[in-house]
């Protein structure tokens, strides 16, 4: 009986091992937004503001529907080569990266300012000059400075303002990286560009999956 149940149960055990949430510890961007650290700043993209979290550790259950500008980040520039970008610091080299979750601008009458097409880059030691404290637009070229592009161009749909679930993107190819760069190529037609929130997950560690499997086998033996 155990032999018959093992394959299916093993797959179920591995599938239910939980992924780890990774929230960036810092953000550097082409423009600081409406302020350097308060309402409308780039920091609002990593602090969970405006989010409703069904499960605090599972970004796929998070929604954003706050229609105020205070909880969005929008830089004062329309997309152009080298002028609309952000770099996210994960706090250290991060093994087993899996998904990047991204939510777009939600401000009333400003949905067209959200990012549309973008490229993803990754690095462990990029050359990066922080924007001036005044919030002036700072240009940056990801083709130099130690970056590697991940996959092809991605797209984030326009915000909905109605419990937006955002979208997730495969970043497993950047496993082990500390810095993720978002090169914003287009927005949805507005005079600024940015996004509301970003978070990452990792895949379960092999040790966690093994423990889940061993525990499941123990339950099977007791049932037998």
N, C-alpha and C. Protein backbone atom coordinates (compact mmCIF):
# COMPACT_ATOMS: atom_id res chain seq x y z
N UNK A 1 0.84 -1.21 0.00
CA UNK A 1 0.00 0.00 0.00
C UNK A 1 0.87 1.25 0.00
N UNK A 2 1.94 1.23 0.77
CA UNK A 2 2.83 2.38 0.83
C UNK A 2 3.46 2.64 -0.52
N UNK A 3 3.87 1.55 -1.21
CA UNK A 3 4.51 1.72 -2.51
C UNK A 3 3.57 2.38 -3.51
N UNK A 4 2.30 2.07 -3.45
CA UNK A 4 1.35 2.65 -4.38
C UNK A 4 1.09 4.13 -4.09
N UNK A 5 1.08 4.48 -2.81
CA UNK A 5 0.77 5.86 -2.43
C UNK A 5 1.97 6.78 -2.51
N UNK A 6 3.18 6.25 -2.44
CA UNK A 6 4.36 7.08 -2.32
C UNK A 6 4.55 8.10 -3.43
N UNK A 7 4.48 7.73 -4.71
CA UNK A 7 4.74 8.74 -5.74
C UNK A 7 3.80 9.93 -5.67
N UNK A 8 2.50 9.66 -5.54
CA UNK A 8 1.54 10.77 -5.50
C UNK A 8 1.73 11.59 -4.24
N UNK A 9 1.95 10.94 -3.11
CA UNK A 9 2.09 11.67 -1.86
C UNK A 9 3.38 12.49 -1.85
N UNK A 10 4.44 11.91 -2.41
CA UNK A 10 5.70 12.65 -2.46
C UNK A 10 5.54 13.93 -3.27
N UNK A 11 4.86 13.84 -4.40
CA UNK A 11 4.64 15.03 -5.22
C UNK A 11 3.81 16.06 -4.48
N UNK A 12 2.79 15.62 -3.77
CA UNK A 12 1.95 16.55 -3.02
C UNK A 12 2.74 17.21 -1.90
N UNK A 13 3.59 16.44 -1.23
CA UNK A 13 4.37 16.99 -0.13
C UNK A 13 5.32 18.06 -0.62
N UNK A 14 5.99 17.79 -1.74
CA UNK A 14 6.92 18.76 -2.29
C UNK A 14 6.18 20.01 -2.75
N UNK A 15 5.03 19.84 -3.34
CA UNK A 15 4.27 20.97 -3.87
C UNK A 15 3.76 21.90 -2.80
N UNK A 16 3.56 21.39 -1.58
CA UNK A 16 3.00 22.22 -0.53
C UNK A 16 4.06 22.86 0.35
N UNK A 17 5.35 22.55 0.11
CA UNK A 17 6.39 23.22 0.86
C UNK A 17 6.37 24.71 0.50
N UNK A 18 6.37 25.58 1.51
CA UNK A 18 6.12 26.99 1.26
C UNK A 18 7.35 27.70 0.72
N UNK A 19 7.11 28.67 -0.18
CA UNK A 19 8.18 29.51 -0.70
C UNK A 19 8.45 30.63 0.30
N UNK A 20 9.62 31.23 0.20
CA UNK A 20 10.00 32.31 1.09
C UNK A 20 9.76 33.65 0.42
N UNK A 21 9.24 34.60 1.19
CA UNK A 21 9.00 35.96 0.70
C UNK A 21 10.29 36.77 0.81
N UNK A 22 10.60 37.53 -0.24
CA UNK A 22 11.76 38.43 -0.23
C UNK A 22 11.27 39.83 -0.61
N UNK A 23 11.36 40.75 0.33
CA UNK A 23 10.99 42.14 0.07
C UNK A 23 12.28 42.95 -0.04
N UNK A 24 12.46 43.72 -1.10
CA UNK A 24 13.69 44.52 -1.23
C UNK A 24 13.95 45.38 -0.02
N UNK A 25 15.22 45.50 0.34
CA UNK A 25 15.60 46.35 1.47
C UNK A 25 15.92 47.77 1.04
N UNK A 26 16.05 47.97 -0.27
CA UNK A 26 16.35 49.30 -0.76
C UNK A 26 15.99 49.45 -2.22
N UNK A 27 15.82 50.68 -2.66
CA UNK A 27 15.51 50.96 -4.06
C UNK A 27 16.25 52.22 -4.48
N UNK A 28 16.87 52.17 -5.65
CA UNK A 28 17.48 53.33 -6.29
C UNK A 28 16.77 53.52 -7.62
N UNK A 29 16.45 54.75 -7.97
CA UNK A 29 15.63 54.95 -9.16
C UNK A 29 16.03 56.23 -9.89
N UNK A 30 15.55 56.33 -11.13
CA UNK A 30 15.88 57.49 -11.97
C UNK A 30 15.36 58.79 -11.40
N UNK A 31 14.32 58.69 -10.58
CA UNK A 31 13.72 59.87 -9.95
C UNK A 31 13.08 59.43 -8.65
N UNK A 32 13.17 60.25 -7.60
CA UNK A 32 12.67 59.86 -6.29
C UNK A 32 11.15 59.93 -6.17
N UNK A 33 10.47 60.49 -7.16
CA UNK A 33 9.02 60.63 -7.06
C UNK A 33 8.64 61.96 -6.44
N UNK A 34 7.48 61.99 -5.80
CA UNK A 34 6.98 63.25 -5.26
C UNK A 34 7.76 63.74 -4.04
N UNK A 35 8.52 62.85 -3.41
CA UNK A 35 9.34 63.25 -2.27
C UNK A 35 10.52 62.30 -2.17
N UNK A 36 11.44 62.58 -1.25
CA UNK A 36 12.61 61.72 -1.10
C UNK A 36 12.31 60.49 -0.23
N UNK A 37 11.41 60.64 0.72
CA UNK A 37 11.17 59.52 1.63
C UNK A 37 9.72 59.39 2.08
N UNK A 38 8.89 60.37 1.80
CA UNK A 38 7.51 60.35 2.28
C UNK A 38 6.52 59.92 1.23
N UNK A 39 5.35 60.56 1.21
CA UNK A 39 4.29 60.20 0.26
C UNK A 39 4.79 60.31 -1.17
N UNK A 40 4.48 59.30 -1.97
CA UNK A 40 4.82 59.33 -3.38
C UNK A 40 6.28 59.09 -3.70
N UNK A 41 7.09 58.69 -2.70
CA UNK A 41 8.51 58.46 -2.95
C UNK A 41 8.74 57.07 -3.51
N UNK A 42 9.95 56.84 -4.03
CA UNK A 42 10.28 55.51 -4.54
C UNK A 42 10.23 54.46 -3.44
N UNK A 43 10.42 54.85 -2.19
CA UNK A 43 10.36 53.90 -1.08
C UNK A 43 8.97 53.28 -0.93
N UNK A 44 7.95 53.96 -1.44
CA UNK A 44 6.58 53.43 -1.35
C UNK A 44 6.42 52.16 -2.18
N UNK A 45 7.35 51.89 -3.10
CA UNK A 45 7.26 50.69 -3.92
C UNK A 45 7.76 49.44 -3.21
N UNK A 46 8.35 49.62 -2.01
CA UNK A 46 8.87 48.44 -1.30
C UNK A 46 8.39 48.37 0.16
N UNK A 47 7.46 49.26 0.55
CA UNK A 47 7.06 49.26 1.96
C UNK A 47 5.68 48.66 2.22
N UNK A 48 5.04 48.10 1.19
CA UNK A 48 3.74 47.45 1.39
C UNK A 48 2.58 48.40 1.55
N UNK A 49 2.78 49.69 1.31
CA UNK A 49 1.70 50.66 1.52
C UNK A 49 0.60 50.47 0.49
N UNK A 50 -0.64 50.59 0.96
CA UNK A 50 -1.79 50.44 0.07
C UNK A 50 -2.15 49.01 -0.25
N UNK A 51 -1.41 48.03 0.33
CA UNK A 51 -1.65 46.63 0.01
C UNK A 51 -2.63 45.98 0.99
N UNK A 52 -3.43 45.07 0.46
CA UNK A 52 -4.24 44.17 1.29
C UNK A 52 -3.64 42.78 1.12
N UNK A 53 -3.17 42.19 2.21
CA UNK A 53 -2.42 40.95 2.13
C UNK A 53 -3.23 39.78 2.70
N UNK A 54 -3.77 38.96 1.78
CA UNK A 54 -4.52 37.79 2.24
C UNK A 54 -3.65 36.88 3.07
N UNK A 55 -2.44 36.63 2.60
CA UNK A 55 -1.43 35.87 3.33
C UNK A 55 -0.16 36.71 3.28
N UNK A 56 0.32 37.15 4.42
CA UNK A 56 1.45 38.07 4.46
C UNK A 56 2.70 37.49 3.82
N UNK A 57 2.79 36.17 3.72
CA UNK A 57 3.97 35.53 3.15
C UNK A 57 3.78 35.05 1.73
N UNK A 58 2.64 35.38 1.11
CA UNK A 58 2.34 34.89 -0.24
C UNK A 58 1.86 36.04 -1.11
N UNK A 59 2.76 36.66 -1.89
CA UNK A 59 2.36 37.81 -2.71
C UNK A 59 1.26 37.52 -3.72
N UNK A 60 1.04 36.24 -4.07
CA UNK A 60 -0.03 35.94 -5.02
C UNK A 60 -1.40 36.24 -4.43
N UNK A 61 -1.47 36.42 -3.10
CA UNK A 61 -2.74 36.75 -2.44
C UNK A 61 -2.85 38.24 -2.15
N UNK A 62 -1.87 39.04 -2.52
CA UNK A 62 -1.88 40.46 -2.23
C UNK A 62 -2.64 41.22 -3.31
N UNK A 63 -3.36 42.25 -2.90
CA UNK A 63 -4.03 43.14 -3.84
C UNK A 63 -3.75 44.59 -3.45
N UNK A 64 -3.78 45.48 -4.43
CA UNK A 64 -3.62 46.90 -4.17
C UNK A 64 -4.76 47.62 -4.87
N UNK A 65 -5.44 48.51 -4.11
CA UNK A 65 -6.57 49.22 -4.69
C UNK A 65 -6.66 50.64 -4.19
N UNK A 66 -5.60 51.11 -3.53
CA UNK A 66 -5.59 52.47 -3.02
C UNK A 66 -5.43 53.44 -4.20
N UNK A 67 -6.37 54.35 -4.36
CA UNK A 67 -6.37 55.24 -5.54
C UNK A 67 -5.63 56.55 -5.29
N UNK A 68 -4.97 56.70 -4.13
CA UNK A 68 -4.23 57.92 -3.84
C UNK A 68 -2.81 57.86 -4.37
N UNK A 69 -2.25 59.00 -4.72
CA UNK A 69 -0.88 59.06 -5.24
C UNK A 69 0.14 58.74 -4.15
N UNK A 70 -0.26 58.89 -2.90
CA UNK A 70 0.69 58.75 -1.81
C UNK A 70 1.36 57.37 -1.75
N UNK A 71 0.63 56.33 -2.17
CA UNK A 71 1.15 54.97 -2.08
C UNK A 71 1.70 54.43 -3.39
N UNK A 72 1.76 55.29 -4.41
CA UNK A 72 2.40 54.93 -5.68
C UNK A 72 3.78 55.58 -5.75
N UNK A 73 4.63 55.05 -6.62
CA UNK A 73 5.84 55.75 -7.00
C UNK A 73 5.75 56.07 -8.49
N UNK A 74 5.86 57.37 -8.81
CA UNK A 74 5.83 57.82 -10.20
C UNK A 74 6.96 58.83 -10.39
N UNK A 75 7.92 58.48 -11.24
CA UNK A 75 9.00 59.40 -11.51
C UNK A 75 8.59 60.46 -12.51
N UNK A 76 9.19 61.64 -12.39
CA UNK A 76 8.82 62.77 -13.24
C UNK A 76 9.54 62.70 -14.58
N UNK A 77 9.23 61.70 -15.37
CA UNK A 77 9.79 61.58 -16.71
C UNK A 77 9.00 60.53 -17.46
N UNK A 78 8.75 60.79 -18.73
CA UNK A 78 8.17 59.76 -19.58
C UNK A 78 9.30 58.85 -20.05
N UNK A 79 8.99 57.58 -20.39
CA UNK A 79 10.07 56.66 -20.79
C UNK A 79 10.85 57.17 -21.99
N UNK A 80 12.15 57.03 -21.88
CA UNK A 80 13.07 57.35 -22.97
C UNK A 80 14.34 56.55 -22.69
N UNK A 81 15.15 56.31 -23.69
CA UNK A 81 16.36 55.50 -23.46
C UNK A 81 17.18 56.01 -22.27
N UNK A 82 17.46 55.12 -21.33
CA UNK A 82 18.35 55.37 -20.19
C UNK A 82 17.78 56.31 -19.13
N UNK A 83 16.51 56.70 -19.23
CA UNK A 83 16.01 57.71 -18.27
C UNK A 83 14.92 57.20 -17.34
N UNK A 84 14.44 55.99 -17.50
CA UNK A 84 13.39 55.48 -16.61
C UNK A 84 13.78 54.08 -16.15
N UNK A 85 14.22 53.97 -14.89
CA UNK A 85 14.77 52.71 -14.40
C UNK A 85 14.68 52.67 -12.87
N UNK A 86 14.79 51.49 -12.32
CA UNK A 86 14.93 51.33 -10.87
C UNK A 86 15.80 50.12 -10.60
N UNK A 87 16.49 50.14 -9.48
CA UNK A 87 17.32 49.02 -9.04
C UNK A 87 16.89 48.63 -7.63
N UNK A 88 16.57 47.36 -7.46
CA UNK A 88 16.08 46.84 -6.18
C UNK A 88 17.18 46.05 -5.50
N UNK A 89 17.45 46.37 -4.25
CA UNK A 89 18.46 45.68 -3.45
C UNK A 89 17.76 44.64 -2.58
N UNK A 90 18.07 43.36 -2.80
CA UNK A 90 17.44 42.28 -2.04
C UNK A 90 18.11 42.04 -0.68
N UNK A 91 19.13 42.82 -0.38
CA UNK A 91 19.76 42.72 0.93
C UNK A 91 20.95 41.79 0.98
N UNK A 92 21.19 41.06 -0.06
CA UNK A 92 22.30 40.12 -0.15
C UNK A 92 22.05 39.15 -1.27
N UNK A 93 23.08 38.40 -1.70
CA UNK A 93 22.87 37.39 -2.73
C UNK A 93 21.75 36.44 -2.34
N UNK A 94 20.79 36.24 -3.21
CA UNK A 94 19.56 35.51 -2.87
C UNK A 94 19.44 34.26 -3.72
N UNK A 95 19.66 33.11 -3.07
CA UNK A 95 19.57 31.83 -3.77
C UNK A 95 18.12 31.47 -4.03
N UNK A 96 17.90 30.67 -5.06
CA UNK A 96 16.59 30.09 -5.36
C UNK A 96 15.51 31.12 -5.66
N UNK A 97 15.89 32.27 -6.22
CA UNK A 97 14.87 33.23 -6.66
C UNK A 97 13.90 32.54 -7.61
N UNK A 98 12.64 32.91 -7.49
CA UNK A 98 11.62 32.23 -8.30
C UNK A 98 10.77 33.22 -9.09
N UNK A 99 9.98 34.07 -8.39
CA UNK A 99 9.05 34.99 -9.06
C UNK A 99 9.26 36.41 -8.55
N UNK A 100 9.04 37.38 -9.46
CA UNK A 100 8.93 38.78 -9.09
C UNK A 100 7.48 39.20 -9.26
N UNK A 101 6.89 39.75 -8.21
CA UNK A 101 5.51 40.23 -8.24
C UNK A 101 5.53 41.75 -8.35
N UNK A 102 4.73 42.28 -9.29
CA UNK A 102 4.74 43.70 -9.58
C UNK A 102 3.31 44.22 -9.70
N UNK A 103 3.03 45.33 -9.01
CA UNK A 103 1.71 45.97 -9.08
C UNK A 103 1.88 47.37 -9.66
N UNK A 104 0.95 47.76 -10.54
CA UNK A 104 1.11 49.01 -11.27
C UNK A 104 0.48 50.20 -10.54
N UNK A 105 0.73 51.39 -11.07
CA UNK A 105 0.18 52.64 -10.53
C UNK A 105 -1.34 52.54 -10.40
N UNK A 106 -1.87 53.05 -9.29
CA UNK A 106 -3.31 52.98 -9.02
C UNK A 106 -3.97 54.35 -8.84
N UNK A 107 -3.21 55.43 -8.93
CA UNK A 107 -3.78 56.76 -8.67
C UNK A 107 -4.92 57.09 -9.62
N UNK A 108 -5.99 57.65 -9.07
CA UNK A 108 -7.13 58.07 -9.87
C UNK A 108 -6.69 59.02 -10.98
N UNK A 109 -7.17 58.77 -12.19
CA UNK A 109 -6.88 59.59 -13.37
C UNK A 109 -5.41 59.59 -13.77
N UNK A 110 -4.63 58.63 -13.24
CA UNK A 110 -3.20 58.59 -13.59
C UNK A 110 -2.74 57.17 -13.93
N UNK A 111 -3.68 56.30 -14.25
CA UNK A 111 -3.31 54.91 -14.52
C UNK A 111 -2.36 54.80 -15.71
N UNK A 112 -2.45 55.77 -16.63
CA UNK A 112 -1.60 55.69 -17.82
C UNK A 112 -0.12 55.95 -17.51
N UNK A 113 0.18 56.29 -16.27
CA UNK A 113 1.57 56.53 -15.90
C UNK A 113 2.30 55.25 -15.49
N UNK A 114 1.57 54.17 -15.32
CA UNK A 114 2.19 52.91 -14.91
C UNK A 114 3.07 52.33 -15.99
N UNK A 115 4.10 51.57 -15.57
CA UNK A 115 5.01 50.95 -16.52
C UNK A 115 4.25 49.95 -17.39
N UNK A 116 4.65 49.86 -18.65
CA UNK A 116 4.07 48.89 -19.58
C UNK A 116 5.13 47.87 -19.98
N UNK A 117 5.98 48.17 -20.94
CA UNK A 117 7.06 47.25 -21.33
C UNK A 117 8.32 47.53 -20.50
N UNK A 118 8.99 46.47 -20.12
CA UNK A 118 10.22 46.64 -19.34
C UNK A 118 11.13 45.43 -19.50
N UNK A 119 12.41 45.66 -19.24
CA UNK A 119 13.40 44.59 -19.21
C UNK A 119 13.85 44.36 -17.78
N UNK A 120 14.24 43.12 -17.48
CA UNK A 120 14.74 42.76 -16.15
C UNK A 120 16.24 42.47 -16.27
N UNK A 121 17.01 43.03 -15.36
CA UNK A 121 18.46 42.82 -15.30
C UNK A 121 18.84 42.33 -13.90
N UNK A 122 19.99 41.69 -13.78
CA UNK A 122 20.44 41.25 -12.45
C UNK A 122 21.95 41.37 -12.33
N UNK A 123 22.41 41.53 -11.08
CA UNK A 123 23.83 41.68 -10.81
C UNK A 123 24.09 41.46 -9.32
N UNK A 124 25.33 41.20 -8.96
CA UNK A 124 25.73 41.15 -7.56
C UNK A 124 26.54 42.36 -7.15
N UNK A 125 27.18 43.02 -8.10
CA UNK A 125 28.00 44.19 -7.76
C UNK A 125 27.95 45.20 -8.90
N UNK A 126 26.79 45.81 -9.11
CA UNK A 126 26.68 46.77 -10.22
C UNK A 126 27.36 48.09 -9.91
N UNK A 127 27.75 48.77 -10.95
CA UNK A 127 28.21 50.14 -10.82
C UNK A 127 26.99 51.04 -10.93
N UNK A 128 26.70 51.79 -9.87
CA UNK A 128 25.46 52.55 -9.83
C UNK A 128 25.66 53.85 -9.09
N UNK A 129 25.29 54.95 -9.71
CA UNK A 129 25.37 56.26 -9.07
C UNK A 129 23.98 56.67 -8.61
N UNK A 130 23.79 56.86 -7.29
CA UNK A 130 22.45 57.24 -6.80
C UNK A 130 22.00 58.58 -7.38
N UNK A 131 20.71 58.75 -7.60
CA UNK A 131 20.19 60.03 -8.09
C UNK A 131 20.50 61.16 -7.11
N UNK A 132 20.56 62.36 -7.63
CA UNK A 132 20.80 63.53 -6.77
C UNK A 132 19.66 63.68 -5.77
N UNK A 133 19.98 64.23 -4.61
CA UNK A 133 18.98 64.40 -3.55
C UNK A 133 17.83 65.29 -3.99
N UNK A 134 18.06 66.12 -4.97
CA UNK A 134 17.01 67.01 -5.43
C UNK A 134 15.91 66.25 -6.18
N UNK A 135 16.18 64.99 -6.53
CA UNK A 135 15.19 64.21 -7.26
C UNK A 135 15.27 64.42 -8.76
N UNK A 136 16.34 65.03 -9.24
CA UNK A 136 16.48 65.24 -10.68
C UNK A 136 16.61 63.89 -11.39
N UNK A 137 16.21 63.84 -12.66
CA UNK A 137 16.29 62.61 -13.43
C UNK A 137 17.75 62.22 -13.64
N UNK A 138 18.07 60.96 -13.32
CA UNK A 138 19.42 60.43 -13.49
C UNK A 138 19.38 59.35 -14.56
N UNK A 139 20.20 59.48 -15.57
CA UNK A 139 20.24 58.47 -16.64
C UNK A 139 21.09 57.28 -16.21
N UNK A 140 20.83 56.14 -16.84
CA UNK A 140 21.60 54.93 -16.52
C UNK A 140 21.54 53.97 -17.70
N UNK A 141 22.66 53.27 -17.93
CA UNK A 141 22.75 52.33 -19.04
C UNK A 141 23.03 50.94 -18.49
N UNK A 142 22.04 50.04 -18.56
CA UNK A 142 22.20 48.69 -18.04
C UNK A 142 23.14 47.83 -18.89
N UNK A 143 23.49 48.30 -20.08
CA UNK A 143 24.37 47.50 -20.93
C UNK A 143 25.81 47.52 -20.43
N UNK A 144 26.09 48.31 -19.41
CA UNK A 144 27.40 48.32 -18.77
C UNK A 144 27.18 48.28 -17.25
N UNK A 145 28.25 48.23 -16.51
CA UNK A 145 28.12 48.28 -15.06
C UNK A 145 27.90 46.94 -14.38
N UNK A 146 28.15 45.84 -15.09
CA UNK A 146 28.08 44.52 -14.45
C UNK A 146 26.74 43.84 -14.48
N UNK A 147 25.84 44.27 -15.37
CA UNK A 147 24.49 43.71 -15.43
C UNK A 147 24.38 42.63 -16.50
N UNK A 148 23.45 41.70 -16.25
CA UNK A 148 23.08 40.69 -17.24
C UNK A 148 21.57 40.75 -17.42
N UNK A 149 21.11 40.79 -18.68
CA UNK A 149 19.68 40.84 -18.92
C UNK A 149 19.07 39.46 -18.73
N UNK A 150 17.89 39.44 -18.13
CA UNK A 150 17.17 38.19 -17.88
C UNK A 150 16.02 38.07 -18.88
N UNK A 151 16.12 37.13 -19.81
CA UNK A 151 15.04 36.89 -20.76
C UNK A 151 14.81 38.06 -21.70
N UNK A 152 13.56 38.14 -22.20
CA UNK A 152 13.19 39.20 -23.13
C UNK A 152 12.35 40.26 -22.45
N UNK A 153 11.79 41.15 -23.25
CA UNK A 153 10.97 42.24 -22.73
C UNK A 153 9.66 41.72 -22.15
N UNK A 154 9.30 42.21 -20.97
CA UNK A 154 8.07 41.82 -20.28
C UNK A 154 7.06 42.96 -20.36
N UNK A 155 5.81 42.67 -19.96
CA UNK A 155 4.76 43.69 -19.99
C UNK A 155 3.91 43.60 -18.73
N UNK A 156 3.62 44.76 -18.14
CA UNK A 156 2.74 44.83 -16.97
C UNK A 156 1.46 45.57 -17.38
N UNK A 157 0.29 44.93 -17.26
CA UNK A 157 -0.96 45.60 -17.63
C UNK A 157 -1.21 46.86 -16.81
N UNK A 158 -2.01 47.74 -17.33
CA UNK A 158 -2.39 48.97 -16.65
C UNK A 158 -3.11 48.64 -15.35
N UNK A 159 -2.95 49.50 -14.33
CA UNK A 159 -3.62 49.29 -13.06
C UNK A 159 -5.13 49.32 -13.19
N UNK A 160 -5.81 48.69 -12.22
CA UNK A 160 -7.27 48.59 -12.29
C UNK A 160 -7.98 49.42 -11.22
N UNK A 161 -7.30 49.73 -10.11
CA UNK A 161 -7.88 50.42 -8.95
C UNK A 161 -8.90 49.55 -8.21
N UNK A 162 -9.18 48.36 -8.68
CA UNK A 162 -10.23 47.52 -8.10
C UNK A 162 -9.65 46.22 -7.55
N UNK A 163 -8.83 46.33 -6.53
CA UNK A 163 -8.22 45.15 -5.97
C UNK A 163 -7.26 44.49 -6.94
N UNK A 164 -6.36 45.28 -7.49
CA UNK A 164 -5.43 44.81 -8.52
C UNK A 164 -4.54 43.71 -7.96
N UNK A 165 -4.54 42.55 -8.64
CA UNK A 165 -3.72 41.43 -8.20
C UNK A 165 -2.31 41.49 -8.79
N UNK A 166 -2.04 42.45 -9.65
CA UNK A 166 -0.72 42.59 -10.23
C UNK A 166 -0.39 41.43 -11.16
N UNK A 167 0.90 41.21 -11.37
CA UNK A 167 1.36 40.12 -12.24
C UNK A 167 2.69 39.61 -11.69
N UNK A 168 3.03 38.37 -12.02
CA UNK A 168 4.30 37.82 -11.57
C UNK A 168 5.13 37.41 -12.77
N UNK A 169 6.46 37.44 -12.59
CA UNK A 169 7.39 37.18 -13.67
C UNK A 169 8.49 36.23 -13.18
N UNK A 170 8.90 35.33 -14.05
CA UNK A 170 9.90 34.35 -13.72
C UNK A 170 11.28 35.01 -13.62
N UNK A 171 11.89 34.96 -12.43
CA UNK A 171 13.24 35.50 -12.26
C UNK A 171 14.19 34.41 -11.76
N UNK A 172 13.83 33.15 -12.00
CA UNK A 172 14.67 32.05 -11.53
C UNK A 172 16.06 32.09 -12.16
N UNK A 173 16.17 32.66 -13.35
CA UNK A 173 17.47 32.77 -13.99
C UNK A 173 18.41 33.73 -13.30
N UNK A 174 17.89 34.53 -12.35
CA UNK A 174 18.71 35.48 -11.59
C UNK A 174 19.05 34.96 -10.21
N UNK A 175 18.85 33.66 -9.99
CA UNK A 175 19.11 33.08 -8.68
C UNK A 175 20.55 33.36 -8.25
N UNK A 176 20.69 33.80 -7.01
CA UNK A 176 22.00 34.13 -6.47
C UNK A 176 22.33 35.60 -6.56
N UNK A 177 21.49 36.38 -7.24
CA UNK A 177 21.76 37.82 -7.39
C UNK A 177 21.28 38.60 -6.18
N UNK A 178 21.89 39.76 -5.97
CA UNK A 178 21.45 40.67 -4.91
C UNK A 178 20.66 41.84 -5.46
N UNK A 179 20.96 42.24 -6.69
CA UNK A 179 20.31 43.43 -7.26
C UNK A 179 19.51 43.04 -8.51
N UNK A 180 18.28 43.54 -8.56
CA UNK A 180 17.42 43.36 -9.73
C UNK A 180 17.14 44.74 -10.32
N UNK A 181 17.42 44.89 -11.60
CA UNK A 181 17.16 46.16 -12.28
C UNK A 181 15.92 46.07 -13.15
N UNK A 182 15.10 47.09 -13.12
CA UNK A 182 13.92 47.18 -13.98
C UNK A 182 14.12 48.37 -14.92
N UNK A 183 14.31 48.06 -16.19
CA UNK A 183 14.49 49.08 -17.22
C UNK A 183 13.14 49.33 -17.88
N UNK A 184 12.52 50.46 -17.57
CA UNK A 184 11.18 50.76 -18.03
C UNK A 184 11.22 51.38 -19.43
N UNK A 185 10.72 50.64 -20.39
CA UNK A 185 10.81 51.06 -21.80
C UNK A 185 9.63 51.91 -22.24
N UNK A 186 8.44 51.59 -21.74
CA UNK A 186 7.23 52.35 -22.09
C UNK A 186 6.33 52.41 -20.87
N UNK A 187 5.42 53.40 -20.88
CA UNK A 187 4.33 53.38 -19.91
C UNK A 187 3.03 53.23 -20.70
N UNK A 188 1.90 53.53 -20.05
CA UNK A 188 0.62 53.38 -20.75
C UNK A 188 0.14 54.71 -21.34
N UNK A 189 1.09 55.63 -21.58
CA UNK A 189 0.78 56.86 -22.30
C UNK A 189 0.88 58.14 -21.50
N UNK A 190 1.17 58.07 -20.20
CA UNK A 190 1.14 59.24 -19.34
C UNK A 190 2.43 60.05 -19.35
N UNK A 191 2.46 61.06 -18.47
CA UNK A 191 3.58 62.00 -18.43
C UNK A 191 4.65 61.60 -17.42
N UNK A 192 4.39 60.57 -16.62
CA UNK A 192 5.38 60.03 -15.70
C UNK A 192 5.39 58.51 -15.87
N UNK A 193 6.23 57.85 -15.08
CA UNK A 193 6.17 56.39 -15.07
C UNK A 193 6.66 55.85 -13.74
N UNK A 194 6.18 54.64 -13.40
CA UNK A 194 6.54 54.01 -12.14
C UNK A 194 5.66 52.81 -11.89
N UNK A 195 5.58 52.40 -10.63
CA UNK A 195 4.72 51.29 -10.23
C UNK A 195 4.39 51.43 -8.75
N UNK A 196 3.49 50.58 -8.26
CA UNK A 196 2.99 50.73 -6.89
C UNK A 196 3.75 49.89 -5.88
N UNK A 197 4.12 48.66 -6.24
CA UNK A 197 4.72 47.76 -5.26
C UNK A 197 5.45 46.63 -5.96
N UNK A 198 6.47 46.07 -5.30
CA UNK A 198 7.22 44.95 -5.86
C UNK A 198 7.66 44.03 -4.73
N UNK A 199 7.66 42.74 -4.99
CA UNK A 199 8.12 41.74 -4.02
C UNK A 199 8.60 40.52 -4.79
N UNK A 200 9.33 39.63 -4.10
CA UNK A 200 9.88 38.43 -4.73
C UNK A 200 9.59 37.21 -3.86
N UNK A 201 9.66 36.04 -4.49
CA UNK A 201 9.63 34.80 -3.73
C UNK A 201 10.77 33.90 -4.19
N UNK A 202 11.15 32.97 -3.33
CA UNK A 202 12.12 31.94 -3.68
C UNK A 202 11.41 30.59 -3.71
N UNK A 203 12.03 29.62 -4.36
CA UNK A 203 11.48 28.27 -4.33
C UNK A 203 11.84 27.63 -3.00
N UNK A 204 11.08 26.62 -2.55
CA UNK A 204 11.41 25.97 -1.29
C UNK A 204 12.80 25.35 -1.34
N UNK A 205 13.52 25.42 -0.21
CA UNK A 205 14.82 24.79 -0.14
C UNK A 205 14.66 23.27 -0.19
N UNK A 206 15.61 22.55 -0.80
CA UNK A 206 15.52 21.09 -0.85
C UNK A 206 15.35 20.46 0.52
N UNK A 207 16.01 21.03 1.55
CA UNK A 207 15.89 20.46 2.89
C UNK A 207 14.46 20.53 3.39
N UNK A 208 13.76 21.62 3.04
CA UNK A 208 12.36 21.76 3.47
C UNK A 208 11.48 20.72 2.79
N UNK A 209 11.74 20.47 1.50
CA UNK A 209 10.94 19.49 0.78
C UNK A 209 11.18 18.08 1.31
N UNK A 210 12.45 17.80 1.65
CA UNK A 210 12.76 16.47 2.19
C UNK A 210 12.07 16.26 3.53
N UNK A 211 12.09 17.29 4.38
CA UNK A 211 11.43 17.18 5.67
C UNK A 211 9.93 16.96 5.50
N UNK A 212 9.33 17.66 4.53
CA UNK A 212 7.90 17.47 4.28
C UNK A 212 7.62 16.04 3.82
N UNK A 213 8.49 15.50 2.98
CA UNK A 213 8.31 14.15 2.48
C UNK A 213 8.46 13.12 3.59
N UNK A 214 9.51 13.30 4.42
CA UNK A 214 9.72 12.36 5.53
C UNK A 214 8.54 12.39 6.49
N UNK A 215 8.04 13.58 6.79
CA UNK A 215 6.89 13.68 7.67
C UNK A 215 5.68 12.98 7.09
N UNK A 216 5.49 13.12 5.77
CA UNK A 216 4.37 12.45 5.12
C UNK A 216 4.49 10.94 5.18
N UNK A 217 5.69 10.42 5.01
CA UNK A 217 5.89 8.97 5.09
C UNK A 217 5.56 8.46 6.49
N UNK A 218 5.93 9.29 7.50
CA UNK A 218 5.60 8.87 8.84
C UNK A 218 4.11 8.76 9.06
N UNK A 219 3.35 9.70 8.48
CA UNK A 219 1.89 9.64 8.60
C UNK A 219 1.33 8.41 7.91
N UNK A 220 1.90 8.08 6.75
CA UNK A 220 1.45 6.89 6.03
C UNK A 220 1.67 5.62 6.83
N UNK A 221 2.83 5.53 7.48
CA UNK A 221 3.14 4.32 8.27
C UNK A 221 2.16 4.20 9.42
N UNK A 222 1.87 5.33 10.09
CA UNK A 222 0.93 5.27 11.22
C UNK A 222 -0.45 4.88 10.76
N UNK A 223 -0.85 5.39 9.56
CA UNK A 223 -2.18 5.02 9.04
C UNK A 223 -2.26 3.54 8.71
N UNK A 224 -1.12 2.99 8.19
CA UNK A 224 -1.13 1.58 7.85
C UNK A 224 -1.25 0.72 9.11
